[in-house]
Amino acid sequence: MKPQDVNLVDYNDVVELYHSESDRAAAILAGSFLEHYLAVFLKEFLIDDPEINDLFNGFGPLSTFSQRITMAAAVGLINPCDRTELRAIKDIRNHFAHNPFGTSFQDDVLDNFFEKLQITHNPQFNVHGEGPLSDRKRIFLLSVSCLVVRMHNAIVLKRHGAPPVSEGFTTLQDSDNVTVDLSNYDKLADSQKN
C-alpha cells in the first residue's frame, strides 16, 4: 500500500472523528493512520532519494504495517515496548479488518493485545476516576495518539540535529479536550519490561 504523507496536524484533525465512529471504523481508520505515519517516520531517517518510495509501495519490502514495525525496530528507531504496542495495534486493527462478522473492542480475542498496550495499566491516563482506563476504544485511540506523538517528536528532534529519541512533547489532548501528561510514558514502559 502506498503510504500517504500524513502528519500530526492531520491526526489532530481526524481523532475526534475516530471517537465518534463505530469500533470497527475507529480501529481500521486509526490503525491505518498509524501505519501511514510509521512510513513517514521511517522515510525521515532514510536517504533523500525518490526511489526510496518504491520500498513502501506495492510489493516493496516496507509495504506492510508489519514490515515497517520490524524495520523501525531493527534500525533502533523504536524501542522494544513501542514495537510491542505497534504490533498489538496492528493485530487489533487486523481483527476488525478481516472479521466478516460483528466485532467490538470488547471481543475476548482482543484481551491479549490490549494487555500489551501500556495505557491499559496506567491509572494516570484515567482523568475520570480511579484505576486504569477500561474503555477499550479510548485505550486504543490514546495508544495510537501516543505513538504518533512519539514518532513526531523523533522527527522534530532529528531535523534539529538531535538523535532520534522520543522526548520533547509531554502532553497530549484527547477528544474531550483533556490534556494528558505523557512525561511518565517512558518510565512506565521501562517498568513494564522489568
Protein backbone atom coordinates (compact mmCIF):
# COMPACT_ATOMS: atom_id res chain seq x y z
CA MET A 1 0.00 0.00 0.00
CA LYS A 2 1.39 3.38 -0.98
CA PRO A 3 1.81 5.42 2.20
CA GLN A 4 0.02 8.73 2.41
CA ASP A 5 2.03 11.72 3.57
CA VAL A 6 0.32 12.37 6.90
CA ASN A 7 1.40 14.45 9.87
CA LEU A 8 0.47 15.28 13.43
CA VAL A 9 -1.88 18.08 12.34
CA ASP A 10 -3.76 15.58 10.16
CA TYR A 11 -4.15 13.29 13.17
CA ASN A 12 -5.46 16.11 15.34
CA ASP A 13 -8.00 16.87 12.60
CA VAL A 14 -9.36 13.30 12.48
CA VAL A 15 -9.01 11.95 16.03
CA GLU A 16 -12.36 13.38 17.10
CA LEU A 17 -13.97 11.67 14.12
CA TYR A 18 -12.42 8.36 15.19
CA HIS A 19 -14.04 8.67 18.63
CA SER A 20 -17.49 9.10 17.03
CA GLU A 21 -17.08 6.12 14.67
CA SER A 22 -18.09 2.50 15.28
CA ASP A 23 -15.47 0.28 16.91
CA ARG A 24 -14.66 -1.30 13.55
CA ALA A 25 -14.25 2.04 11.76
CA ALA A 26 -12.22 3.56 14.60
CA ALA A 27 -9.83 0.58 14.73
CA ILE A 28 -9.33 0.43 10.98
CA LEU A 29 -9.02 4.19 10.43
CA ALA A 30 -6.74 4.96 13.39
CA GLY A 31 -4.67 1.83 12.76
CA SER A 32 -4.31 2.80 9.12
CA PHE A 33 -3.27 6.32 10.06
CA LEU A 34 -0.56 4.89 12.33
CA GLU A 35 0.62 2.57 9.55
CA HIS A 36 0.96 5.53 7.18
CA TYR A 37 2.64 7.68 9.82
CA LEU A 38 5.14 4.92 10.51
CA ALA A 39 6.12 5.09 6.82
CA VAL A 40 6.59 8.88 7.09
CA PHE A 41 8.67 8.29 10.22
CA LEU A 42 10.90 5.69 8.55
CA LYS A 43 11.41 7.83 5.44
CA GLU A 44 12.67 10.66 7.62
CA PHE A 45 15.67 8.54 8.61
CA LEU A 46 16.48 7.22 5.11
CA ILE A 47 18.48 8.97 2.43
CA ASP A 48 16.70 11.61 0.35
CA ASP A 49 16.13 9.70 -2.89
CA PRO A 50 12.89 9.38 -4.90
CA GLU A 51 13.47 5.64 -5.29
CA ILE A 52 13.02 5.22 -1.53
CA ASN A 53 9.27 5.44 -2.16
CA ASP A 54 9.47 2.11 -4.03
CA LEU A 55 10.35 0.41 -0.73
CA PHE A 56 6.91 1.35 0.61
CA ASN A 57 4.76 0.64 -2.45
CA GLY A 58 3.19 -2.47 -3.98
CA PHE A 59 5.31 -5.46 -3.06
CA GLY A 60 8.17 -3.40 -1.65
CA PRO A 61 9.94 -4.65 1.46
CA LEU A 62 8.30 -1.95 3.60
CA SER A 63 4.82 -2.05 2.08
CA THR A 64 3.04 -3.54 5.10
CA PHE A 65 2.48 -2.37 8.64
CA SER A 66 4.31 -5.43 9.98
CA GLN A 67 7.37 -4.86 7.79
CA ARG A 68 7.53 -1.20 8.83
CA ILE A 69 7.38 -2.12 12.51
CA THR A 70 10.14 -4.70 12.08
CA MET A 71 12.39 -2.26 10.19
CA ALA A 72 11.85 0.58 12.67
CA ALA A 73 12.87 -1.77 15.49
CA ALA A 74 15.77 -3.32 13.55
CA VAL A 75 17.45 0.04 12.97
CA GLY A 76 16.79 1.25 16.52
CA LEU A 77 14.21 3.93 15.77
CA ILE A 78 11.72 2.45 18.21
CA ASN A 79 12.28 0.65 21.49
CA PRO A 80 11.02 -2.88 22.25
CA CYS A 81 7.99 -1.52 24.15
CA ASP A 82 6.93 0.63 21.18
CA ARG A 83 7.40 -2.38 18.89
CA THR A 84 5.13 -4.46 21.13
CA GLU A 85 2.49 -1.73 21.17
CA LEU A 86 2.66 -1.20 17.40
CA ARG A 87 2.20 -4.93 16.85
CA ALA A 88 -0.75 -5.03 19.25
CA ILE A 89 -2.40 -2.10 17.46
CA LYS A 90 -1.77 -3.79 14.10
CA ASP A 91 -3.32 -7.01 15.39
CA ILE A 92 -6.36 -5.21 16.80
CA ARG A 93 -6.80 -3.35 13.53
CA ASN A 94 -6.47 -6.60 11.57
CA HIS A 95 -9.11 -8.27 13.77
CA PHE A 96 -11.61 -5.63 12.69
CA ALA A 97 -10.47 -5.51 9.07
CA HIS A 98 -10.57 -9.26 8.47
CA ASN A 99 -13.52 -10.38 10.56
CA PRO A 100 -16.68 -10.51 8.42
CA PHE A 101 -19.00 -10.63 11.45
CA GLY A 102 -19.94 -8.12 14.11
CA THR A 103 -16.96 -7.19 16.26
CA SER A 104 -16.25 -4.78 19.07
CA PHE A 105 -13.34 -3.69 21.20
CA GLN A 106 -14.82 -5.90 23.94
CA ASP A 107 -14.22 -9.15 21.99
CA ASP A 108 -12.39 -11.65 24.18
CA VAL A 109 -9.98 -12.47 21.37
CA LEU A 110 -8.53 -8.95 21.78
CA ASP A 111 -7.69 -9.36 25.50
CA ASN A 112 -4.08 -10.38 24.88
CA PHE A 113 -3.48 -7.43 22.53
CA PHE A 114 -4.94 -4.88 24.95
CA GLU A 115 -2.74 -6.28 27.73
CA LYS A 116 0.25 -5.17 25.64
CA LEU A 117 -0.87 -1.53 25.48
CA GLN A 118 0.79 0.43 28.29
CA ILE A 119 -2.17 2.76 28.76
CA THR A 120 -4.23 -0.26 29.83
CA HIS A 121 -2.16 -0.44 33.02
CA ASN A 122 -1.62 3.23 33.82
CA PRO A 123 -4.18 4.97 36.05
CA GLN A 124 -2.59 8.32 35.15
CA PHE A 125 -4.49 8.25 31.84
CA ASN A 126 -7.88 7.94 33.55
CA VAL A 127 -8.90 11.52 34.23
CA HIS A 128 -12.43 10.41 35.11
CA GLY A 129 -11.71 8.28 38.17
CA GLU A 130 -9.55 5.80 39.98
CA GLY A 131 -7.65 2.99 38.33
CA PRO A 132 -6.67 2.43 34.71
CA LEU A 133 -8.98 3.21 31.80
CA SER A 134 -11.48 0.50 30.99
CA ASP A 135 -12.97 1.90 27.78
CA ARG A 136 -11.09 -0.08 25.14
CA LYS A 137 -11.89 2.29 22.31
CA ARG A 138 -10.39 5.14 24.30
CA ILE A 139 -7.37 2.98 25.22
CA PHE A 140 -6.82 2.06 21.56
CA LEU A 141 -7.13 5.62 20.27
CA LEU A 142 -4.99 7.09 23.05
CA SER A 143 -2.33 4.43 22.39
CA VAL A 144 -2.31 5.37 18.70
CA SER A 145 -2.08 9.06 19.66
CA CYS A 146 0.86 8.45 21.99
CA LEU A 147 2.78 6.55 19.32
CA VAL A 148 2.10 9.21 16.68
CA VAL A 149 3.30 11.94 19.06
CA ARG A 150 6.42 9.95 19.97
CA MET A 151 7.33 9.43 16.30
CA HIS A 152 6.61 13.11 15.61
CA ASN A 153 8.98 14.04 18.45
CA ALA A 154 11.74 11.93 16.95
CA ILE A 155 11.26 13.58 13.54
CA VAL A 156 11.37 17.08 15.04
CA LEU A 157 14.47 16.28 17.08
CA LYS A 158 16.21 14.71 14.09
CA ARG A 159 15.53 17.79 11.98
CA HIS A 160 17.10 19.93 14.68
CA GLY A 161 20.26 17.82 14.84
CA ALA A 162 19.25 15.69 17.80
CA PRO A 163 19.34 11.90 17.92
CA PRO A 164 16.09 10.00 17.17
CA VAL A 165 14.70 9.71 20.67
CA SER A 166 11.13 10.16 21.81
CA GLU A 167 11.31 13.17 24.12
CA GLY A 168 10.01 16.69 23.82
CA PHE A 169 6.23 16.66 23.70
CA THR A 170 4.96 15.75 27.15
CA THR A 171 1.24 16.39 26.84
CA LEU A 172 -1.49 15.19 24.55
CA GLN A 173 -5.06 16.38 24.30
CA ASP A 174 -7.76 13.77 23.75
CA SER A 175 -11.13 14.23 22.06
CA ASP A 176 -12.69 15.55 25.28
CA ASN A 177 -10.05 18.32 25.30
CA VAL A 178 -8.46 16.71 28.33
CA THR A 179 -4.72 17.27 28.46
CA VAL A 180 -2.85 14.07 29.29
CA ASP A 181 0.67 14.11 30.70
CA LEU A 182 2.95 11.83 28.68
CA SER A 183 6.10 12.57 30.65
CA ASN A 184 5.92 9.27 32.55
CA TYR A 185 5.23 7.15 29.46
CA ASP A 186 8.88 6.10 29.05
CA LYS A 187 9.19 5.35 32.77
CA LEU A 188 6.04 3.23 32.60
CA ALA A 189 7.33 1.41 29.52
CA ASP A 190 10.61 0.67 31.31
CA SER A 191 8.81 -0.59 34.44
CA GLN A 192 6.67 -2.94 32.31
CA LYS A 193 9.81 -4.53 30.83
CA ASN A 194 11.14 -5.44 34.31
